[in-house]
Amino acid sequence: MLTGVAVAVMGVAGMAEGVVTISSSGATPADIQVAVDDFRAALGGVNNGAAAGSQGSGRREINWDGVPDSFSSPNALPGDFFNVNSPRGLVMSTAGTGFLVSADAANPTATPTRFTDLNPGHAGRFTPFSEQRIFTAAGSTVLDIRFFVPGTNTPATVLGFGAVFLDVGFDGVTFFQMYDANDAPVGGVAAPTSVNGGLSFIGMVRDTAEVARVRIVTGTQALDTVGTAGDYVAMDDFIYGEPVPAPGVGGAIALGMLAMGRRRRVG
């Protein structure tokens, strides 16, 4: 049984029945640890790390801390970093200017940590779940995630998705929505607010691997906005089910291989 967190079966507009939602918030990483661990258990299996190819079951995790200085603030993170450089089957896009991972304390350019390089007002605002680096889209509060068989261009789907959000101050403005391979919504949830400088976790798991895309909205202001009041929200760990070939992809690949074999035999 899942314990210590809010758990519900969702059945409202835009959300299919059978979706398990896990959420929690608090002042420290320890306050949401039970929710994170219960979400991992709900996905099942082990953390498959950066193993190329679909492992069939288990999960993938991104905590940003292994991103090198060359792809951390003030440098941009490529949207496909976690499918090319560190193959975990996740590719991001945004209408903004790109993606940023915060500098760590030992970075060679002495860039301030926790995105105070973007806005001095962020000082003391964000508490990482996993030290030290955190993450944001630049120039936008919206990003999209698509899943692929890790290390390939083959579209994939996952059982569910979860994320840690930092300093959620307004109700209903930080959330994610999941979509299937036909871009139909299959579940969405808003992050609970936390105390100033606190952390929030939300995760959703389906009983079948049909999540092909996730749209995330973080607060009301992009973190590189200066001089504007609003809710500035950063992100930390992403946790999601093992990417498996999207419905129809496996059959298409098999048919293609069969056709190639027939052509070879005829030739």
C-alpha atoms as a PDB file:
ATOM      1  CA  MET A   1       0.000   0.000   0.000  1.00  0.00           C
ATOM      2  CA  LEU A   2       1.164   3.531  -0.769  1.00  0.00           C
ATOM      3  CA  THR A   3       1.635   5.454   2.459  1.00  0.00           C
ATOM      4  CA  GLY A   4       2.211   8.991   3.641  1.00  0.00           C
ATOM      5  CA  VAL A   5       1.034  10.657   0.454  1.00  0.00           C
ATOM      6  CA  ALA A   6      -2.130  11.691  -1.322  1.00  0.00           C
ATOM      7  CA  VAL A   7      -3.282   8.828  -3.542  1.00  0.00           C
ATOM      8  CA  ALA A   8      -6.358   8.924  -5.758  1.00  0.00           C
ATOM      9  CA  VAL A   9      -7.921   7.236  -8.765  1.00  0.00           C
ATOM     10  CA  MET A  10      -8.760   9.990 -11.208  1.00  0.00           C
ATOM     11  CA  GLY A  11     -11.868   9.995 -13.398  1.00  0.00           C
ATOM     12  CA  VAL A  12     -12.557  13.607 -14.390  1.00  0.00           C
ATOM     13  CA  ALA A  13     -12.588  15.402 -17.737  1.00  0.00           C
ATOM     14  CA  GLY A  14      -9.271  15.030 -19.546  1.00  0.00           C
ATOM     15  CA  MET A  15      -8.161  12.204 -17.243  1.00  0.00           C
ATOM     16  CA  ALA A  16      -8.851   8.531 -17.857  1.00  0.00           C
ATOM     17  CA  GLU A  17      -9.916   6.196 -15.078  1.00  0.00           C
ATOM     18  CA  GLY A  18      -7.219   4.015 -13.580  1.00  0.00           C
ATOM     19  CA  VAL A  19      -4.614   6.738 -13.089  1.00  0.00           C
ATOM     20  CA  VAL A  20      -2.906   6.635  -9.697  1.00  0.00           C
ATOM     21  CA  THR A  21      -1.753  10.047  -8.460  1.00  0.00           C
ATOM     22  CA  ILE A  22       0.902  10.522  -5.780  1.00  0.00           C
ATOM     23  CA  SER A  23       1.672  13.975  -4.399  1.00  0.00           C
ATOM     24  CA  SER A  24       3.331  15.640  -1.435  1.00  0.00           C
ATOM     25  CA  SER A  25       4.960  18.909  -0.375  1.00  0.00           C
ATOM     26  CA  GLY A  26       7.104  20.129   2.488  1.00  0.00           C
ATOM     27  CA  ALA A  27       9.920  22.338   3.659  1.00  0.00           C
ATOM     28  CA  THR A  28      12.763  19.855   3.162  1.00  0.00           C
ATOM     29  CA  PRO A  29      13.699  16.996   0.810  1.00  0.00           C
ATOM     30  CA  ALA A  30      12.921  14.539   3.602  1.00  0.00           C
ATOM     31  CA  ASP A  31       9.308  15.759   3.638  1.00  0.00           C
ATOM     32  CA  ILE A  32       8.647  14.460   0.120  1.00  0.00           C
ATOM     33  CA  GLN A  33      10.961  11.423   0.180  1.00  0.00           C
ATOM     34  CA  VAL A  34       8.166   8.973   1.022  1.00  0.00           C
ATOM     35  CA  ALA A  35       6.120  10.216  -1.960  1.00  0.00           C
ATOM     36  CA  VAL A  36       9.092   9.869  -4.301  1.00  0.00           C
ATOM     37  CA  ASP A  37       9.868   6.364  -3.060  1.00  0.00           C
ATOM     38  CA  ASP A  38       6.220   5.299  -3.312  1.00  0.00           C
ATOM     39  CA  PHE A  39       6.122   6.576  -6.885  1.00  0.00           C
ATOM     40  CA  ARG A  40       9.221   4.552  -7.718  1.00  0.00           C
ATOM     41  CA  ALA A  41       7.535   1.500  -6.233  1.00  0.00           C
ATOM     42  CA  ALA A  42       4.359   2.169  -8.228  1.00  0.00           C
ATOM     43  CA  LEU A  43       6.388   2.192 -11.450  1.00  0.00           C
ATOM     44  CA  GLY A  44       8.077  -1.032 -10.353  1.00  0.00           C
ATOM     45  CA  GLY A  45      11.433  -2.522 -11.224  1.00  0.00           C
ATOM     46  CA  VAL A  46      14.849  -0.915 -11.038  1.00  0.00           C
ATOM     47  CA  ASN A  47      16.444   2.324 -12.191  1.00  0.00           C
ATOM     48  CA  ASN A  48      17.885   1.497 -15.626  1.00  0.00           C
ATOM     49  CA  GLY A  49      20.161   4.534 -15.643  1.00  0.00           C
ATOM     50  CA  ALA A  50      21.584   5.438 -19.047  1.00  0.00           C
ATOM     51  CA  ALA A  51      21.413   1.952 -20.572  1.00  0.00           C
ATOM     52  CA  ALA A  52      20.770   2.235 -24.309  1.00  0.00           C
ATOM     53  CA  GLY A  53      17.735   0.487 -25.748  1.00  0.00           C
ATOM     54  CA  SER A  54      14.479  -0.390 -24.046  1.00  0.00           C
ATOM     55  CA  GLN A  55      14.937  -2.579 -20.964  1.00  0.00           C
ATOM     56  CA  GLY A  56      11.265  -3.607 -21.035  1.00  0.00           C
ATOM     57  CA  SER A  57      10.439  -2.688 -17.437  1.00  0.00           C
ATOM     58  CA  GLY A  58      11.639  -0.549 -14.563  1.00  0.00           C
ATOM     59  CA  ARG A  59      12.177   3.182 -14.703  1.00  0.00           C
ATOM     60  CA  ARG A  60      14.504   6.012 -15.665  1.00  0.00           C
ATOM     61  CA  GLU A  61      15.551   8.943 -13.491  1.00  0.00           C
ATOM     62  CA  ILE A  62      17.149  12.328 -14.138  1.00  0.00           C
ATOM     63  CA  ASN A  63      18.558  14.344 -11.245  1.00  0.00           C
ATOM     64  CA  TRP A  64      20.655  16.838 -13.310  1.00  0.00           C
ATOM     65  CA  ASP A  65      23.711  16.406 -11.073  1.00  0.00           C
ATOM     66  CA  GLY A  66      25.687  14.415 -13.622  1.00  0.00           C
ATOM     67  CA  VAL A  67      25.330  17.119 -16.295  1.00  0.00           C
ATOM     68  CA  PRO A  68      28.852  18.466 -17.001  1.00  0.00           C
ATOM     69  CA  ASP A  69      29.834  22.123 -16.646  1.00  0.00           C
ATOM     70  CA  SER A  70      29.922  22.465 -20.445  1.00  0.00           C
ATOM     71  CA  PHE A  71      26.137  21.935 -20.505  1.00  0.00           C
ATOM     72  CA  SER A  72      25.318  23.782 -17.278  1.00  0.00           C
ATOM     73  CA  SER A  73      24.655  27.476 -16.621  1.00  0.00           C
ATOM     74  CA  PRO A  74      25.735  29.782 -18.163  1.00  0.00           C
ATOM     75  CA  ASN A  75      25.804  27.200 -20.993  1.00  0.00           C
ATOM     76  CA  ALA A  76      22.608  25.728 -22.436  1.00  0.00           C
ATOM     77  CA  LEU A  77      21.516  22.103 -22.119  1.00  0.00           C
ATOM     78  CA  PRO A  78      20.557  20.491 -25.458  1.00  0.00           C
ATOM     79  CA  GLY A  79      16.967  19.275 -25.457  1.00  0.00           C
ATOM     80  CA  ASP A  80      18.109  15.804 -26.566  1.00  0.00           C
ATOM     81  CA  PHE A  81      20.913  15.471 -23.999  1.00  0.00           C
ATOM     82  CA  PHE A  82      19.055  12.654 -22.215  1.00  0.00           C
ATOM     83  CA  ASN A  83      18.652  10.651 -25.386  1.00  0.00           C
ATOM     84  CA  VAL A  84      22.048  11.287 -26.988  1.00  0.00           C
ATOM     85  CA  ASN A  85      24.717  12.160 -24.408  1.00  0.00           C
ATOM     86  CA  SER A  86      23.090  10.191 -21.579  1.00  0.00           C
ATOM     87  CA  PRO A  87      20.517   7.913 -23.250  1.00  0.00           C
ATOM     88  CA  ARG A  88      17.408   7.774 -21.059  1.00  0.00           C
ATOM     89  CA  GLY A  89      14.781   8.128 -23.814  1.00  0.00           C
ATOM     90  CA  LEU A  90      13.667  11.692 -23.023  1.00  0.00           C
ATOM     91  CA  VAL A  91      13.730  14.642 -25.450  1.00  0.00           C
ATOM     92  CA  MET A  92      12.542  18.147 -24.506  1.00  0.00           C
ATOM     93  CA  SER A  93      11.283  21.127 -26.475  1.00  0.00           C
ATOM     94  CA  THR A  94      10.007  24.584 -25.537  1.00  0.00           C
ATOM     95  CA  ALA A  95       8.710  27.748 -27.155  1.00  0.00           C
ATOM     96  CA  GLY A  96      11.299  29.571 -25.048  1.00  0.00           C
ATOM     97  CA  THR A  97      15.017  29.934 -25.753  1.00  0.00           C
ATOM     98  CA  GLY A  98      16.161  26.532 -24.498  1.00  0.00           C
ATOM     99  CA  PHE A  99      17.023  24.760 -21.266  1.00  0.00           C
ATOM    100  CA  LEU A 100      19.311  25.512 -18.338  1.00  0.00           C
ATOM    101  CA  VAL A 101      20.807  23.362 -15.597  1.00  0.00           C
ATOM    102  CA  SER A 102      22.139  25.407 -12.681  1.00  0.00           C
ATOM    103  CA  ALA A 103      25.836  25.661 -11.946  1.00  0.00           C
ATOM    104  CA  ASP A 104      27.339  23.753  -9.047  1.00  0.00           C
ATOM    105  CA  ALA A 105      29.612  25.239  -6.406  1.00  0.00           C
ATOM    106  CA  ALA A 106      32.793  24.016  -8.126  1.00  0.00           C
ATOM    107  CA  ASN A 107      32.052  25.293 -11.651  1.00  0.00           C
ATOM    108  CA  PRO A 108      35.092  26.756 -13.491  1.00  0.00           C
ATOM    109  CA  THR A 109      33.450  30.093 -14.382  1.00  0.00           C
ATOM    110  CA  ALA A 110      32.337  30.924 -10.815  1.00  0.00           C
ATOM    111  CA  THR A 111      28.734  31.139 -12.034  1.00  0.00           C
ATOM    112  CA  PRO A 112      26.352  31.631  -9.089  1.00  0.00           C
ATOM    113  CA  THR A 113      24.407  28.522  -8.061  1.00  0.00           C
ATOM    114  CA  ARG A 114      20.647  27.843  -7.953  1.00  0.00           C
ATOM    115  CA  PHE A 115      19.935  30.255 -10.822  1.00  0.00           C
ATOM    116  CA  THR A 116      20.877  33.434  -8.975  1.00  0.00           C
ATOM    117  CA  ASP A 117      22.859  34.169 -12.138  1.00  0.00           C
ATOM    118  CA  LEU A 118      19.506  34.575 -13.921  1.00  0.00           C
ATOM    119  CA  ASN A 119      17.890  36.708 -11.234  1.00  0.00           C
ATOM    120  CA  PRO A 120      19.453  37.792  -7.901  1.00  0.00           C
ATOM    121  CA  GLY A 121      15.950  37.503  -6.424  1.00  0.00           C
ATOM    122  CA  HIS A 122      16.297  33.699  -6.577  1.00  0.00           C
ATOM    123  CA  ALA A 123      18.788  33.753  -3.674  1.00  0.00           C
ATOM    124  CA  GLY A 124      17.471  31.357  -1.034  1.00  0.00           C
ATOM    125  CA  ARG A 125      14.383  30.559  -3.108  1.00  0.00           C
ATOM    126  CA  PHE A 126      15.153  27.022  -4.293  1.00  0.00           C
ATOM    127  CA  THR A 127      16.064  23.981  -2.176  1.00  0.00           C
ATOM    128  CA  PRO A 128      17.306  21.080  -4.337  1.00  0.00           C
ATOM    129  CA  PHE A 129      15.857  17.628  -3.776  1.00  0.00           C
ATOM    130  CA  SER A 130      19.138  16.083  -4.928  1.00  0.00           C
ATOM    131  CA  GLU A 131      22.173  18.336  -4.561  1.00  0.00           C
ATOM    132  CA  GLN A 132      23.340  20.444  -6.287  1.00  0.00           C
ATOM    133  CA  ARG A 133      21.969  21.171  -9.724  1.00  0.00           C
ATOM    134  CA  ILE A 134      18.383  22.104 -10.588  1.00  0.00           C
ATOM    135  CA  PHE A 135      16.628  22.677 -13.926  1.00  0.00           C
ATOM    136  CA  THR A 136      14.447  25.126 -15.866  1.00  0.00           C
ATOM    137  CA  ALA A 137      13.270  26.045 -19.330  1.00  0.00           C
ATOM    138  CA  ALA A 138      14.634  29.437 -20.402  1.00  0.00           C
ATOM    139  CA  GLY A 139      12.328  32.169 -21.636  1.00  0.00           C
ATOM    140  CA  SER A 140       9.178  30.151 -20.974  1.00  0.00           C
ATOM    141  CA  THR A 141       7.219  28.408 -18.245  1.00  0.00           C
ATOM    142  CA  VAL A 142       6.183  25.598 -20.608  1.00  0.00           C
ATOM    143  CA  LEU A 143       8.136  22.592 -21.849  1.00  0.00           C
ATOM    144  CA  ASP A 144       7.194  19.388 -23.654  1.00  0.00           C
ATOM    145  CA  ILE A 145       8.742  15.970 -23.182  1.00  0.00           C
ATOM    146  CA  ARG A 146       8.571  13.175 -25.727  1.00  0.00           C
ATOM    147  CA  PHE A 147       9.786   9.641 -25.090  1.00  0.00           C
ATOM    148  CA  PHE A 148      11.960   7.477 -27.318  1.00  0.00           C
ATOM    149  CA  VAL A 149      13.594   4.082 -27.045  1.00  0.00           C
ATOM    150  CA  PRO A 150      16.776   5.288 -25.285  1.00  0.00           C
ATOM    151  CA  GLY A 151      19.529   6.211 -27.706  1.00  0.00           C
ATOM    152  CA  THR A 152      17.302   5.913 -30.808  1.00  0.00           C
ATOM    153  CA  ASN A 153      14.742   7.884 -32.808  1.00  0.00           C
ATOM    154  CA  THR A 154      12.068   5.223 -32.231  1.00  0.00           C
ATOM    155  CA  PRO A 155       8.986   6.769 -30.509  1.00  0.00           C
ATOM    156  CA  ALA A 156       8.214   5.233 -27.141  1.00  0.00           C
ATOM    157  CA  THR A 157       5.625   5.338 -24.392  1.00  0.00           C
ATOM    158  CA  VAL A 158       5.928   5.026 -20.602  1.00  0.00           C
ATOM    159  CA  LEU A 159       3.735   3.937 -17.682  1.00  0.00           C
ATOM    160  CA  GLY A 160       3.897   7.259 -15.891  1.00  0.00           C
ATOM    161  CA  PHE A 161       5.814  10.379 -15.029  1.00  0.00           C
ATOM    162  CA  GLY A 162       6.735  12.266 -11.875  1.00  0.00           C
ATOM    163  CA  ALA A 163       8.719  15.404 -11.039  1.00  0.00           C
ATOM    164  CA  VAL A 164       9.949  17.503  -8.138  1.00  0.00           C
ATOM    165  CA  PHE A 165       9.056  21.214  -8.225  1.00  0.00           C
ATOM    166  CA  LEU A 166      10.726  23.882  -6.111  1.00  0.00           C
ATOM    167  CA  ASP A 167       8.995  26.805  -4.373  1.00  0.00           C
ATOM    168  CA  VAL A 168       5.451  26.324  -5.693  1.00  0.00           C
ATOM    169  CA  GLY A 169       3.589  29.322  -4.303  1.00  0.00           C
ATOM    170  CA  PHE A 170       0.328  29.544  -6.264  1.00  0.00           C
ATOM    171  CA  ASP A 171      -2.434  26.945  -6.526  1.00  0.00           C
ATOM    172  CA  GLY A 172      -3.126  25.415  -9.933  1.00  0.00           C
ATOM    173  CA  VAL A 173      -0.421  27.097 -12.013  1.00  0.00           C
ATOM    174  CA  THR A 174       2.301  24.425 -11.789  1.00  0.00           C
ATOM    175  CA  PHE A 175       1.195  21.116 -13.297  1.00  0.00           C
ATOM    176  CA  PHE A 176       1.771  18.514 -15.961  1.00  0.00           C
ATOM    177  CA  GLN A 177      -0.536  16.888 -18.499  1.00  0.00           C
ATOM    178  CA  MET A 178       0.162  13.492 -20.078  1.00  0.00           C
ATOM    179  CA  TYR A 179      -0.810  12.492 -23.642  1.00  0.00           C
ATOM    180  CA  ASP A 180      -0.887   9.212 -25.550  1.00  0.00           C
ATOM    181  CA  ALA A 181       0.639   8.477 -28.968  1.00  0.00           C
ATOM    182  CA  ASN A 182      -2.433  10.037 -30.647  1.00  0.00           C
ATOM    183  CA  ASP A 183      -1.964  13.204 -28.545  1.00  0.00           C
ATOM    184  CA  ALA A 184      -5.115  12.533 -26.519  1.00  0.00           C
ATOM    185  CA  PRO A 185      -4.894  13.515 -22.813  1.00  0.00           C
ATOM    186  CA  VAL A 186      -4.508  10.557 -20.450  1.00  0.00           C
ATOM    187  CA  GLY A 187      -3.974  12.283 -17.092  1.00  0.00           C
ATOM    188  CA  GLY A 188      -2.845  15.499 -15.489  1.00  0.00           C
ATOM    189  CA  VAL A 189      -2.283  16.907 -12.019  1.00  0.00           C
ATOM    190  CA  ALA A 190      -1.302  20.186 -10.347  1.00  0.00           C
ATOM    191  CA  ALA A 191       1.537  20.425  -7.858  1.00  0.00           C
ATOM    192  CA  PRO A 192       0.588  21.230  -4.270  1.00  0.00           C
ATOM    193  CA  THR A 193       1.933  24.479  -2.865  1.00  0.00           C
ATOM    194  CA  SER A 194       4.764  24.449  -0.346  1.00  0.00           C
ATOM    195  CA  VAL A 195       6.177  26.817   2.229  1.00  0.00           C
ATOM    196  CA  ASN A 196       8.571  29.448   0.870  1.00  0.00           C
ATOM    197  CA  GLY A 197      11.662  27.653  -0.403  1.00  0.00           C
ATOM    198  CA  GLY A 198       9.954  24.263  -0.077  1.00  0.00           C
ATOM    199  CA  LEU A 199       9.509  21.311  -2.399  1.00  0.00           C
ATOM    200  CA  SER A 200       6.549  19.613  -4.086  1.00  0.00           C
ATOM    201  CA  PHE A 201       6.276  16.241  -5.815  1.00  0.00           C
ATOM    202  CA  ILE A 202       3.631  14.967  -8.207  1.00  0.00           C
ATOM    203  CA  GLY A 203       3.557  11.661 -10.047  1.00  0.00           C
ATOM    204  CA  MET A 204       1.008   9.707 -12.086  1.00  0.00           C
ATOM    205  CA  VAL A 205       1.084   6.035 -13.071  1.00  0.00           C
ATOM    206  CA  ARG A 206      -1.203   4.245 -15.523  1.00  0.00           C
ATOM    207  CA  ASP A 207      -1.801   0.501 -15.712  1.00  0.00           C
ATOM    208  CA  THR A 208      -0.472   0.377 -19.291  1.00  0.00           C
ATOM    209  CA  ALA A 209       2.472   2.135 -20.930  1.00  0.00           C
ATOM    210  CA  GLU A 210       0.672   4.670 -23.109  1.00  0.00           C
ATOM    211  CA  VAL A 211       2.186   8.045 -22.156  1.00  0.00           C
ATOM    212  CA  ALA A 212       3.996   9.417 -25.217  1.00  0.00           C
ATOM    213  CA  ARG A 213       4.251  13.098 -24.278  1.00  0.00           C
ATOM    214  CA  VAL A 214       4.173  15.212 -21.131  1.00  0.00           C
ATOM    215  CA  ARG A 215       3.592  18.967 -21.047  1.00  0.00           C
ATOM    216  CA  ILE A 216       4.913  20.731 -17.939  1.00  0.00           C
ATOM    217  CA  VAL A 217       3.947  24.243 -16.827  1.00  0.00           C
ATOM    218  CA  THR A 218       6.003  25.834 -14.031  1.00  0.00           C
ATOM    219  CA  GLY A 219       4.567  28.847 -12.234  1.00  0.00           C
ATOM    220  CA  THR A 220       3.757  32.187 -13.861  1.00  0.00           C
ATOM    221  CA  GLN A 221       7.217  33.586 -14.666  1.00  0.00           C
ATOM    222  CA  ALA A 222      10.235  32.143 -16.467  1.00  0.00           C
ATOM    223  CA  LEU A 223      13.241  32.047 -14.150  1.00  0.00           C
ATOM    224  CA  ASP A 224      15.223  34.388 -16.394  1.00  0.00           C
ATOM    225  CA  THR A 225      12.555  37.101 -16.020  1.00  0.00           C
ATOM    226  CA  VAL A 226      13.748  40.034 -13.882  1.00  0.00           C
ATOM    227  CA  GLY A 227      11.691  42.706 -12.159  1.00  0.00           C
ATOM    228  CA  THR A 228       8.295  41.020 -12.484  1.00  0.00           C
ATOM    229  CA  ALA A 229       6.177  39.733  -9.613  1.00  0.00           C
ATOM    230  CA  GLY A 230       4.814  36.195  -9.857  1.00  0.00           C
ATOM    231  CA  ASP A 231       5.433  32.558  -9.038  1.00  0.00           C
ATOM    232  CA  TYR A 232       8.950  31.442 -10.003  1.00  0.00           C
ATOM    233  CA  VAL A 233       9.201  27.636  -9.948  1.00  0.00           C
ATOM    234  CA  ALA A 234      12.276  25.512 -10.680  1.00  0.00           C
ATOM    235  CA  MET A 235      12.453  21.743 -11.161  1.00  0.00           C
ATOM    236  CA  ASP A 236      14.575  18.923  -9.847  1.00  0.00           C
ATOM    237  CA  ASP A 237      14.319  15.144 -10.297  1.00  0.00           C
ATOM    238  CA  PHE A 238      12.306  13.586 -13.145  1.00  0.00           C
ATOM    239  CA  ILE A 239      11.216   9.958 -12.674  1.00  0.00           C
ATOM    240  CA  TYR A 240       9.347   7.997 -15.357  1.00  0.00           C
ATOM    241  CA  GLY A 241       8.592   4.493 -16.557  1.00  0.00           C
ATOM    242  CA  GLU A 242      10.924   2.589 -18.854  1.00  0.00           C
ATOM    243  CA  PRO A 243      10.364   3.781 -22.451  1.00  0.00           C
ATOM    244  CA  VAL A 244       9.017   0.954 -24.618  1.00  0.00           C
ATOM    245  CA  PRO A 245       8.236   1.125 -28.369  1.00  0.00           C
ATOM    246  CA  ALA A 246       5.028   3.072 -28.951  1.00  0.00           C
ATOM    247  CA  PRO A 247       1.910   1.118 -30.015  1.00  0.00           C
ATOM    248  CA  GLY A 248       2.304  -0.056 -33.608  1.00  0.00           C
ATOM    249  CA  VAL A 249       6.023   0.700 -33.743  1.00  0.00           C
ATOM    250  CA  GLY A 250       7.132  -2.842 -32.917  1.00  0.00           C
ATOM    251  CA  GLY A 251       4.830  -4.302 -35.550  1.00  0.00           C
ATOM    252  CA  ALA A 252       6.015  -1.816 -38.133  1.00  0.00           C
ATOM    253  CA  ILE A 253       9.635  -2.664 -37.391  1.00  0.00           C
ATOM    254  CA  ALA A 254       8.906  -6.404 -37.651  1.00  0.00           C
ATOM    255  CA  LEU A 255       7.080  -5.984 -40.956  1.00  0.00           C
ATOM    256  CA  GLY A 256       9.929  -3.876 -42.295  1.00  0.00           C
ATOM    257  CA  MET A 257      12.474  -6.539 -41.350  1.00  0.00           C
ATOM    258  CA  LEU A 258      10.292  -9.247 -42.928  1.00  0.00           C
ATOM    259  CA  ALA A 259      10.019  -7.238 -46.154  1.00  0.00           C
ATOM    260  CA  MET A 260      13.790  -6.720 -46.208  1.00  0.00           C
ATOM    261  CA  GLY A 261      14.308 -10.457 -45.729  1.00  0.00           C
ATOM    262  CA  ARG A 262      11.953 -11.262 -48.598  1.00  0.00           C
ATOM    263  CA  ARG A 263      13.719  -8.797 -50.868  1.00  0.00           C
ATOM    264  CA  ARG A 264      17.047 -10.375 -50.019  1.00  0.00           C
ATOM    265  CA  ARG A 265      15.734 -13.877 -50.768  1.00  0.00           C
ATOM    266  CA  VAL A 266      14.192 -12.770 -54.076  1.00  0.00           C
ATOM    267  CA  GLY A 267      17.399 -11.020 -55.067  1.00  0.00           C
END
